Every structure is written in structure tokens, then in C-alpha cells.
Amino acid sequence: MRVTATALATCALAGAACRMLPKQLSALPLVPLVVAMTPAFALLAGVALVLTLLPRAWARHRAARLLVRAAAVVVLALEATWLAPYALPAQRVSNARQDAGDATTLTVMTCNVYKGAADPTAIVAAVRKNRVEVLALQETTIDFVARLRAAGLDELLPHSQRSSSDGVYGNGVWSAYPLADVASDDIGSSASAMPAGTIEVTRADGTNARVRLVSVHTCSPGPGYWNLWRRSIEEIGMVRSRVAADPTCAYVLMGDFNATWDHAPFRAMLGVDGAGGAGPAGTTDAATTDAEKGVGNNAAHAGQDATGGSVTLHDAAHECGQGLVATWPSNALVAPLVGIDHVVTSDAVVATGVQALTIPGSDHAALLATLALS
């Protein structure tokens, strides 16, 4: 019991330390994978703390018990701070829910379709059942898009923009509203082409709300791609400078960010304080591997100022107060463990509800969100 408690407390403390690393150190090998499991450290620390209550196992090791107990309490205190926002809705969400009767809403859904292996009929059925008005998909193929069309997606969401950076797998946006100012890659991403388009939604008072929709797919963390993973997330932060320049156009970014709220680059992309060393997106590290250099980085966006002043973006799952919304992996024997798929909005859009939906064939759950437009 003593050895087990010590091991659990050590693992939990090391994991919490990784979570607290600044953005500059967040892409060290294996760190992104460890940080993705941050909520689990609370369980490890809790078990370790309980084991310190067994007196016989610690009869001759009182100092060790105090150290293990202290480590467990520290981790639990940190976890309580990090997890608390998931339990209660943000103030702007509460306000939007109170005004729901007068609000103009938009229902959106995003899903990584696992290189076209997801069931297209299930996606179309989810769109129809939930009255989805905007759909963002990642890892589509030409054949998969054809099967979506055959399943009736174009009848529900007739306007679309899809693009691919490698000619095989792509990302796309489908909308019930006409898409204007379409772009094959709205971000100039180092990871994949992120298509976008702008819609106009008529509010109850007769005015129009302009919303820019982007389908996001960043690089997954792994050997040879750690720094590219970080950079592909940070690059999305350039949206904040656009919002600062034109507050009349709201942004909704949906997709597979390959990161949770606990990852410092994700928080830096949102413009949240405490992410560590927030700076211009597109800034590259000196230690960029050959594998990373081979992925099509758009030099036009390199070094572009992404701070956006005081503008922040908002993660729907983190703000809604509905608990952790895990989306990956959804095709395993256990329930999804981490929430790496997100709906991210600018200030003019508030998510009032979010939920994960299982899509057969995909390793990601779909993420469904109801958005209130101000």
C-alpha cells in the first residue's frame, strides 16, 4: 500500500507539474500526451490520499506518509481550481440563457470523420434530428463527401466549402445559409487547410448578424511533430486580431483542435491569462524537426501578430458548466477520455448548450452546440 500510494502521488504531482509548464515548454516530448490526462490526476491523488489513512502500512514511515499526503492534497487543490469552471456556467452563459426567449440562435455540429470511415447516414441523421444549421467536418475524403450527398446532406445544408492540403483528406463546412467570402484556408495553417465562409443570420429585430465559420484541424502531437502541434494551435490565435479589427463579424471555429483546455497553447490561442508567454502566432522554434519543415507552412502568415489586444475567444464546453465533455477516443471499449474537439467563439457568440454525440465508424464523438448570437 505504501509503495502504491507513493507511486500514485508521484505520478499525479508530475502530471500536475507538466500541466503548469508555460507555453514555451508545452511541446517537450510526451508532455502534450501527459497534460491531456490532467483530470485523471485527481483520481490518482485521491486514491493516494486514501491509502495514507491506513495506519499499519505507514507505522515506521510517518515522514513518507506526510510527504505523500502533502503531494496528494496539493494536486487535489490544483485540480479543484482547474475543474471548477466545468461545474458552473460562465456569467455570460447564464445571461444568455436568461435571455433565451429573445435570442437568435444557431445550432452547430462538428465531427472528425476518421479519414472518411464514419457512417455518413448517422451524421445526416444527427443533422436532421438536431436541426443543425452549420456542420464542420474533418478528415473527409472525396468518396465520403459523395456518400454524404447520397444520404441527403445537401438537402439539409446546401451550401458548403471543402478543401484539402494533401489532396486526400480534407476539412469542410456545410451550412443552411449561403456562404460568402469563402476561403480554402482561412488560417494559413501549418497543419491542414481550414476552410471558411461567412453567413448572415437575421435577428429578431430585423438586423443581420455576420458570423465567420471555420473548420479546424490541427496537427496531432507525436514524435517529430511536437513543435508543429504547438504552432498549429497558436496560429489560430490570429483570429483575435481580426475580431479586434472588425468586431461586427463574429467567429465560430469548430473542429479537432488536438488539445484540451489544459494545454497551454490552447489557452494561449484563446488569449486566456496564465497560458504563459503569449505572443505572435506563426513564430517558429529553432528546434524544428525535418518532419515539421515538410508540412506546408504558409509563409504569408508567419510572424503575424495574433495577440488581438484584449480580445479573447471562448471554449463552449469550458463555459457551459455541463461538466467535462470528452470526445476522444469514441471507438474504444471505454468511454471517451479527453475533450480535444471544440466549438470556439468570439465575444458576440455565446454557447448555451453543448453535448457529445456518438457517430459510428469514427474515433471522435461529434460535438453539438447551441449558440446565441448577440
Protein backbone atom coordinates (compact mmCIF):
# COMPACT_ATOMS: atom_id res chain seq x y z
CA MET A 1 0.00 0.00 0.00
CA ARG A 2 2.81 2.39 0.88
CA VAL A 3 4.63 1.85 -2.40
CA THR A 4 1.39 2.15 -4.37
CA ALA A 5 0.43 5.40 -2.62
CA THR A 6 3.88 6.87 -3.20
CA ALA A 7 3.81 5.93 -6.90
CA LEU A 8 0.32 7.36 -7.40
CA ALA A 9 1.14 10.62 -5.63
CA THR A 10 4.39 10.98 -7.57
CA CYS A 11 2.65 10.41 -10.90
CA ALA A 12 -0.12 12.84 -10.01
CA LEU A 13 2.34 15.52 -8.90
CA ALA A 14 4.48 15.08 -12.02
CA GLY A 15 1.41 15.29 -14.22
CA ALA A 16 0.22 18.46 -12.49
CA ALA A 17 3.70 19.94 -12.94
CA CYS A 18 3.50 19.23 -16.68
CA ARG A 19 0.12 20.95 -16.81
CA MET A 20 1.67 24.06 -15.24
CA LEU A 21 4.51 24.33 -17.75
CA PRO A 22 4.49 27.58 -19.76
CA LYS A 23 3.67 27.60 -23.45
CA GLN A 24 7.34 27.60 -24.43
CA LEU A 25 7.88 24.22 -22.73
CA SER A 26 4.50 22.69 -23.52
CA ALA A 27 5.75 20.87 -26.62
CA LEU A 28 8.51 18.92 -24.92
CA PRO A 29 8.33 15.24 -25.93
CA LEU A 30 5.40 13.41 -24.33
CA VAL A 31 4.27 16.46 -22.34
CA PRO A 32 1.17 17.08 -24.53
CA LEU A 33 0.07 13.48 -24.03
CA VAL A 34 0.53 13.69 -20.27
CA VAL A 35 -1.30 17.01 -19.99
CA ALA A 36 -4.25 15.62 -21.95
CA MET A 37 -4.92 13.33 -18.99
CA THR A 38 -4.94 16.12 -16.40
CA PRO A 39 -8.39 15.34 -14.91
CA ALA A 40 -7.22 11.79 -14.17
CA PHE A 41 -4.51 13.12 -11.86
CA ALA A 42 -7.26 13.99 -9.38
CA LEU A 43 -8.22 10.33 -9.21
CA LEU A 44 -4.61 9.25 -8.68
CA ALA A 45 -4.13 11.83 -5.93
CA GLY A 46 -7.42 10.88 -4.29
CA VAL A 47 -6.51 7.21 -4.13
CA ALA A 48 -3.06 8.06 -2.77
CA LEU A 49 -4.60 10.22 -0.06
CA VAL A 50 -6.98 7.46 0.98
CA LEU A 51 -4.11 4.98 1.19
CA THR A 52 -2.28 7.27 3.64
CA LEU A 53 -5.17 6.73 6.04
CA LEU A 54 -4.20 3.08 6.52
CA PRO A 55 -2.07 3.25 9.70
CA ARG A 56 -0.45 -0.17 9.59
CA ALA A 57 1.19 0.47 6.19
CA TRP A 58 2.88 3.61 7.50
CA ALA A 59 3.78 2.55 11.05
CA ARG A 60 7.50 3.12 10.53
CA HIS A 61 7.27 5.65 7.72
CA ARG A 62 5.49 8.66 9.17
CA ALA A 63 7.64 11.20 7.29
CA ALA A 64 6.95 9.46 4.00
CA ARG A 65 3.24 9.43 4.75
CA LEU A 66 3.28 13.17 5.37
CA LEU A 67 5.07 13.77 2.07
CA VAL A 68 2.64 11.59 0.12
CA ARG A 69 -0.32 13.20 1.84
CA ALA A 70 1.01 16.69 1.14
CA ALA A 71 1.61 15.88 -2.54
CA ALA A 72 -1.88 14.44 -2.88
CA VAL A 73 -3.51 17.47 -1.23
CA VAL A 74 -1.57 19.87 -3.47
CA VAL A 75 -2.67 18.03 -6.60
CA LEU A 76 -6.29 17.87 -5.44
CA ALA A 77 -6.27 21.60 -4.71
CA LEU A 78 -4.90 22.35 -8.18
CA GLU A 79 -7.40 20.02 -9.81
CA ALA A 80 -10.26 21.69 -7.97
CA THR A 81 -9.13 25.03 -9.39
CA TRP A 82 -8.81 23.66 -12.92
CA LEU A 83 -12.07 21.68 -12.92
CA ALA A 84 -14.32 24.18 -11.12
CA PRO A 85 -15.25 26.14 -14.29
CA TYR A 86 -16.78 22.98 -15.78
CA ALA A 87 -19.25 22.77 -12.88
CA LEU A 88 -20.75 26.24 -13.17
CA PRO A 89 -21.66 28.24 -16.30
CA ALA A 90 -19.77 31.43 -17.04
CA GLN A 91 -21.66 34.63 -16.30
CA ARG A 92 -22.13 35.44 -19.97
CA VAL A 93 -23.66 31.98 -20.49
CA SER A 94 -26.08 32.48 -17.59
CA ASN A 95 -27.10 35.85 -19.02
CA ALA A 96 -27.66 34.35 -22.47
CA ARG A 97 -29.80 31.56 -21.02
CA GLN A 98 -31.96 34.09 -19.18
CA ASP A 99 -32.48 35.97 -22.46
CA ALA A 100 -33.08 32.78 -24.46
CA GLY A 101 -36.63 33.79 -25.39
CA ASP A 102 -35.42 36.86 -27.27
CA ALA A 103 -32.13 35.46 -28.56
CA THR A 104 -31.29 34.46 -32.12
CA THR A 105 -29.73 31.01 -32.01
CA LEU A 106 -27.58 28.90 -34.27
CA THR A 107 -27.16 25.13 -33.90
CA VAL A 108 -23.77 23.83 -34.98
CA MET A 109 -22.07 20.44 -35.04
CA THR A 110 -18.52 19.30 -35.67
CA CYS A 111 -17.01 15.85 -36.14
CA ASN A 112 -13.73 14.30 -37.19
CA VAL A 113 -14.88 11.52 -39.52
CA TYR A 114 -11.73 9.38 -39.12
CA LYS A 115 -10.39 9.52 -42.68
CA GLY A 116 -13.84 9.00 -44.13
CA ALA A 117 -14.61 5.89 -42.04
CA ALA A 118 -17.55 7.44 -40.15
CA ASP A 119 -21.10 6.49 -41.08
CA PRO A 120 -22.41 9.31 -43.31
CA THR A 121 -26.03 8.31 -42.73
CA ALA A 122 -25.50 8.73 -38.97
CA ILE A 123 -24.10 12.22 -39.50
CA VAL A 124 -27.01 13.23 -41.74
CA ALA A 125 -29.46 11.72 -39.24
CA ALA A 126 -27.88 13.76 -36.42
CA VAL A 127 -28.08 16.91 -38.54
CA ARG A 128 -31.74 16.27 -39.26
CA LYS A 129 -32.73 15.26 -35.72
CA ASN A 130 -30.97 18.19 -34.03
CA ARG A 131 -31.84 20.72 -36.74
CA VAL A 132 -28.19 21.54 -37.25
CA GLU A 133 -27.68 24.68 -39.31
CA VAL A 134 -23.89 24.54 -39.62
CA LEU A 135 -21.75 21.41 -39.86
CA ALA A 136 -17.96 21.24 -39.76
CA LEU A 137 -16.20 18.00 -40.66
CA GLN A 138 -12.55 16.98 -40.59
CA GLU A 139 -10.65 14.18 -42.34
CA THR A 140 -13.18 13.89 -45.15
CA THR A 141 -12.45 12.17 -48.46
CA ILE A 142 -13.97 12.69 -51.89
CA ASP A 143 -15.81 9.39 -51.57
CA PHE A 144 -17.09 10.27 -48.10
CA VAL A 145 -18.45 13.60 -49.32
CA ALA A 146 -20.22 11.77 -52.15
CA ARG A 147 -21.80 9.41 -49.62
CA LEU A 148 -22.90 12.38 -47.50
CA ARG A 149 -24.56 13.82 -50.58
CA ALA A 150 -26.26 10.49 -51.32
CA ALA A 151 -27.52 10.38 -47.73
CA GLY A 152 -29.23 13.74 -48.22
CA LEU A 153 -26.89 16.25 -46.59
CA ASP A 154 -27.16 18.74 -49.45
CA GLU A 155 -30.92 18.87 -48.97
CA LEU A 156 -30.44 19.99 -45.38
CA LEU A 157 -27.27 22.06 -45.72
CA PRO A 158 -26.99 23.07 -49.38
CA HIS A 159 -24.06 25.49 -49.07
CA SER A 160 -20.56 24.15 -48.50
CA GLN A 161 -16.84 24.78 -48.75
CA ARG A 162 -14.29 21.96 -48.58
CA SER A 163 -10.55 21.99 -49.02
CA SER A 164 -7.60 19.64 -48.69
CA SER A 165 -3.91 20.31 -48.19
CA ASP A 166 -2.75 16.87 -49.37
CA GLY A 167 -5.39 16.02 -51.98
CA VAL A 168 -6.63 13.06 -49.96
CA TYR A 169 -8.06 14.15 -46.62
CA GLY A 170 -9.84 17.44 -46.18
CA ASN A 171 -11.96 19.61 -43.95
CA GLY A 172 -15.28 21.19 -44.78
CA VAL A 173 -18.11 23.50 -43.73
CA TRP A 174 -21.76 22.88 -44.65
CA SER A 175 -24.42 25.50 -43.97
CA ALA A 176 -28.13 26.13 -44.27
CA TYR A 177 -27.23 29.74 -45.03
CA PRO A 178 -25.35 30.97 -48.11
CA LEU A 179 -21.59 31.18 -47.56
CA ALA A 180 -19.88 34.41 -48.55
CA ASP A 181 -16.17 35.27 -48.68
CA VAL A 182 -15.27 31.59 -48.80
CA ALA A 183 -11.66 30.58 -48.24
CA SER A 184 -9.88 27.29 -48.75
CA ASP A 185 -7.61 28.01 -45.78
CA ASP A 186 -8.73 30.84 -43.55
CA ILE A 187 -5.85 30.45 -41.10
CA GLY A 188 -2.85 29.73 -43.33
CA SER A 189 -2.25 26.73 -41.14
CA SER A 190 0.93 24.70 -40.87
CA ALA A 191 -1.19 21.59 -40.26
CA SER A 192 -4.08 21.45 -42.73
CA ALA A 193 -6.26 23.64 -44.91
CA MET A 194 -9.02 25.11 -42.73
CA PRO A 195 -11.93 26.21 -44.97
CA ALA A 196 -14.26 29.02 -44.01
CA GLY A 197 -17.21 31.10 -45.09
CA THR A 198 -19.32 33.92 -43.68
CA ILE A 199 -23.07 33.67 -43.12
CA GLU A 200 -25.68 36.30 -42.28
CA VAL A 201 -28.38 35.39 -39.79
CA THR A 202 -31.37 37.68 -39.32
CA ARG A 203 -32.01 38.62 -35.72
CA ALA A 204 -35.45 39.07 -34.18
CA ASP A 205 -35.14 42.85 -34.54
CA GLY A 206 -34.55 42.52 -38.29
CA THR A 207 -30.82 43.26 -38.25
CA ASN A 208 -28.27 40.78 -39.56
CA ALA A 209 -25.55 39.03 -37.60
CA ARG A 210 -22.43 38.19 -39.60
CA VAL A 211 -20.70 35.01 -38.49
CA ARG A 212 -17.45 33.62 -39.88
CA LEU A 213 -17.37 29.80 -39.77
CA VAL A 214 -14.08 27.88 -39.79
CA SER A 215 -13.49 24.11 -39.83
CA VAL A 216 -10.39 23.44 -37.72
CA HIS A 217 -7.98 20.51 -37.72
CA THR A 218 -4.60 20.98 -36.08
CA CYS A 219 -1.62 18.64 -36.01
CA SER A 220 -1.77 15.76 -33.52
CA PRO A 221 1.14 15.57 -31.04
CA GLY A 222 3.65 12.82 -31.66
CA PRO A 223 7.33 12.09 -32.28
CA GLY A 224 8.78 14.56 -34.77
CA TYR A 225 5.69 16.78 -34.60
CA TRP A 226 5.66 18.16 -31.06
CA ASN A 227 6.55 21.73 -32.07
CA LEU A 228 4.31 21.64 -35.12
CA TRP A 229 1.44 20.60 -32.86
CA ARG A 230 2.02 23.66 -30.69
CA ARG A 231 2.45 26.02 -33.62
CA SER A 232 -0.66 24.80 -35.47
CA ILE A 233 -2.76 25.63 -32.40
CA GLU A 234 -1.14 29.00 -31.76
CA GLU A 235 -1.65 30.07 -35.38
CA ILE A 236 -5.41 30.06 -34.88
CA GLY A 237 -4.94 32.90 -32.39
CA MET A 238 -4.58 35.27 -35.35
CA VAL A 239 -8.39 35.28 -35.41
CA ARG A 240 -8.30 37.51 -32.34
CA SER A 241 -6.58 40.28 -34.26
CA ARG A 242 -9.28 40.01 -36.93
CA VAL A 243 -12.03 40.30 -34.33
CA ALA A 244 -10.28 43.32 -32.85
CA ALA A 245 -10.11 44.92 -36.30
CA ASP A 246 -13.75 44.15 -37.19
CA PRO A 247 -15.96 43.42 -34.15
CA THR A 248 -19.07 43.34 -36.37
CA CYS A 249 -18.10 39.91 -37.71
CA ALA A 250 -18.33 37.13 -35.14
CA TYR A 251 -16.24 33.96 -35.35
CA VAL A 252 -17.14 30.33 -34.73
CA LEU A 253 -14.24 27.88 -35.02
CA MET A 254 -15.26 24.22 -34.88
CA GLY A 255 -13.27 21.06 -35.13
CA ASP A 256 -10.48 18.82 -33.93
CA PHE A 257 -8.01 21.06 -32.10
CA ASN A 258 -6.00 18.06 -30.83
CA ALA A 259 -5.79 19.82 -27.48
CA THR A 260 -7.76 20.23 -24.29
CA TRP A 261 -8.22 23.34 -22.16
CA ASP A 262 -5.35 22.08 -20.02
CA HIS A 263 -2.84 22.55 -22.86
CA ALA A 264 -1.08 25.92 -22.62
CA PRO A 265 -1.05 26.52 -26.42
CA PHE A 266 -4.84 26.14 -26.49
CA ARG A 267 -5.31 28.70 -23.73
CA ALA A 268 -2.79 31.00 -25.43
CA MET A 269 -4.74 30.71 -28.66
CA LEU A 270 -7.88 31.79 -26.80
CA GLY A 271 -5.99 34.71 -25.27
CA VAL A 272 -6.60 33.50 -21.72
CA ASP A 273 -4.31 34.81 -18.98
CA GLY A 274 -1.92 32.33 -17.47
CA ALA A 275 -1.16 30.42 -20.67
CA GLY A 276 2.43 31.52 -20.47
CA GLY A 277 4.32 33.67 -22.90
CA ALA A 278 1.53 34.54 -25.30
CA GLY A 279 3.00 36.00 -28.45
CA PRO A 280 2.60 36.19 -32.18
CA ALA A 281 1.23 33.07 -33.78
CA GLY A 282 3.31 31.59 -36.52
CA THR A 283 6.54 32.16 -34.62
CA THR A 284 8.64 29.06 -35.17
CA ASP A 285 11.05 27.35 -32.82
CA ALA A 286 14.69 26.99 -33.66
CA ALA A 287 14.45 23.27 -32.92
CA THR A 288 12.04 22.45 -35.71
CA THR A 289 12.43 18.91 -36.98
CA ASP A 290 12.76 17.88 -40.60
CA ALA A 291 9.33 16.25 -40.41
CA GLU A 292 7.79 19.53 -39.32
CA LYS A 293 9.52 21.50 -42.05
CA GLY A 294 7.94 19.20 -44.61
CA VAL A 295 4.40 20.21 -43.70
CA GLY A 296 3.08 23.09 -45.76
CA ASN A 297 3.54 26.15 -43.63
CA ASN A 298 2.02 29.25 -45.21
CA ALA A 299 4.81 31.79 -45.00
CA ALA A 300 2.39 34.62 -45.60
CA HIS A 301 1.11 34.14 -42.05
CA ALA A 302 4.45 33.56 -40.37
CA GLY A 303 5.10 36.12 -37.65
CA GLN A 304 1.64 37.66 -37.97
CA ASP A 305 0.56 39.37 -34.79
CA ALA A 306 -2.10 37.21 -33.19
CA THR A 307 -2.39 38.88 -29.81
CA GLY A 308 -5.54 40.77 -30.79
CA GLY A 309 -5.07 43.15 -27.87
CA SER A 310 -7.54 42.31 -25.08
CA VAL A 311 -9.76 40.17 -27.32
CA THR A 312 -10.37 36.65 -26.05
CA LEU A 313 -12.05 33.64 -27.59
CA HIS A 314 -14.33 31.27 -25.69
CA ASP A 315 -14.47 27.49 -25.50
CA ALA A 316 -18.08 26.27 -25.41
CA ALA A 317 -17.51 23.20 -23.24
CA HIS A 318 -15.45 25.13 -20.71
CA GLU A 319 -18.06 27.88 -20.34
CA CYS A 320 -21.33 25.97 -20.34
CA GLY A 321 -20.94 24.40 -16.90
CA GLN A 322 -22.12 20.98 -18.05
CA GLY A 323 -19.06 19.07 -16.87
CA LEU A 324 -16.22 17.65 -18.91
CA VAL A 325 -17.28 16.93 -22.49
CA ALA A 326 -14.96 14.19 -23.76
CA THR A 327 -14.89 13.33 -27.46
CA TRP A 328 -11.91 11.01 -27.98
CA PRO A 329 -11.49 8.11 -28.39
CA SER A 330 -15.09 7.20 -29.08
CA ASN A 331 -14.46 3.81 -30.69
CA ALA A 332 -12.73 2.19 -27.71
CA LEU A 333 -14.06 -0.21 -25.10
CA VAL A 334 -14.18 2.63 -22.57
CA ALA A 335 -15.96 5.97 -22.77
CA PRO A 336 -14.12 8.91 -24.39
CA LEU A 337 -11.38 10.20 -22.13
CA VAL A 338 -10.40 13.65 -23.41
CA GLY A 339 -12.11 16.64 -24.97
CA ILE A 340 -9.97 17.58 -27.96
CA ASP A 341 -12.86 18.67 -30.19
CA HIS A 342 -14.14 22.18 -29.58
CA VAL A 343 -16.55 24.90 -30.57
CA VAL A 344 -14.70 28.19 -30.04
CA THR A 345 -16.45 31.55 -30.38
CA SER A 346 -15.73 35.26 -30.25
CA ASP A 347 -17.48 37.58 -27.79
CA ALA A 348 -20.55 38.13 -29.97
CA VAL A 349 -21.47 34.44 -29.81
CA VAL A 350 -22.35 32.59 -26.61
CA ALA A 351 -22.69 28.81 -26.34
CA THR A 352 -25.70 27.99 -24.15
CA GLY A 353 -25.51 24.22 -24.50
CA VAL A 354 -23.08 21.56 -25.70
CA GLN A 355 -23.13 17.78 -25.90
CA ALA A 356 -21.20 14.90 -27.44
CA LEU A 357 -22.87 12.52 -29.90
CA THR A 358 -21.57 9.08 -30.84
CA ILE A 359 -21.03 8.63 -34.58
CA PRO A 360 -20.45 5.01 -35.66
CA GLY A 361 -17.19 4.44 -37.52
CA SER A 362 -15.41 7.49 -36.17
CA ASP A 363 -12.85 7.62 -33.39
CA HIS A 364 -14.24 11.03 -32.39
CA ALA A 365 -17.63 11.85 -30.93
CA ALA A 366 -19.43 14.68 -32.68
CA LEU A 367 -19.82 17.90 -30.72
CA LEU A 368 -23.20 19.63 -30.86
CA ALA A 369 -23.64 23.20 -29.60
CA THR A 370 -26.39 25.77 -29.38
CA LEU A 371 -25.12 29.30 -29.91
CA ALA A 372 -26.80 32.58 -29.05
CA LEU A 373 -25.97 35.49 -31.37
CA SER A 374 -25.81 38.99 -29.92
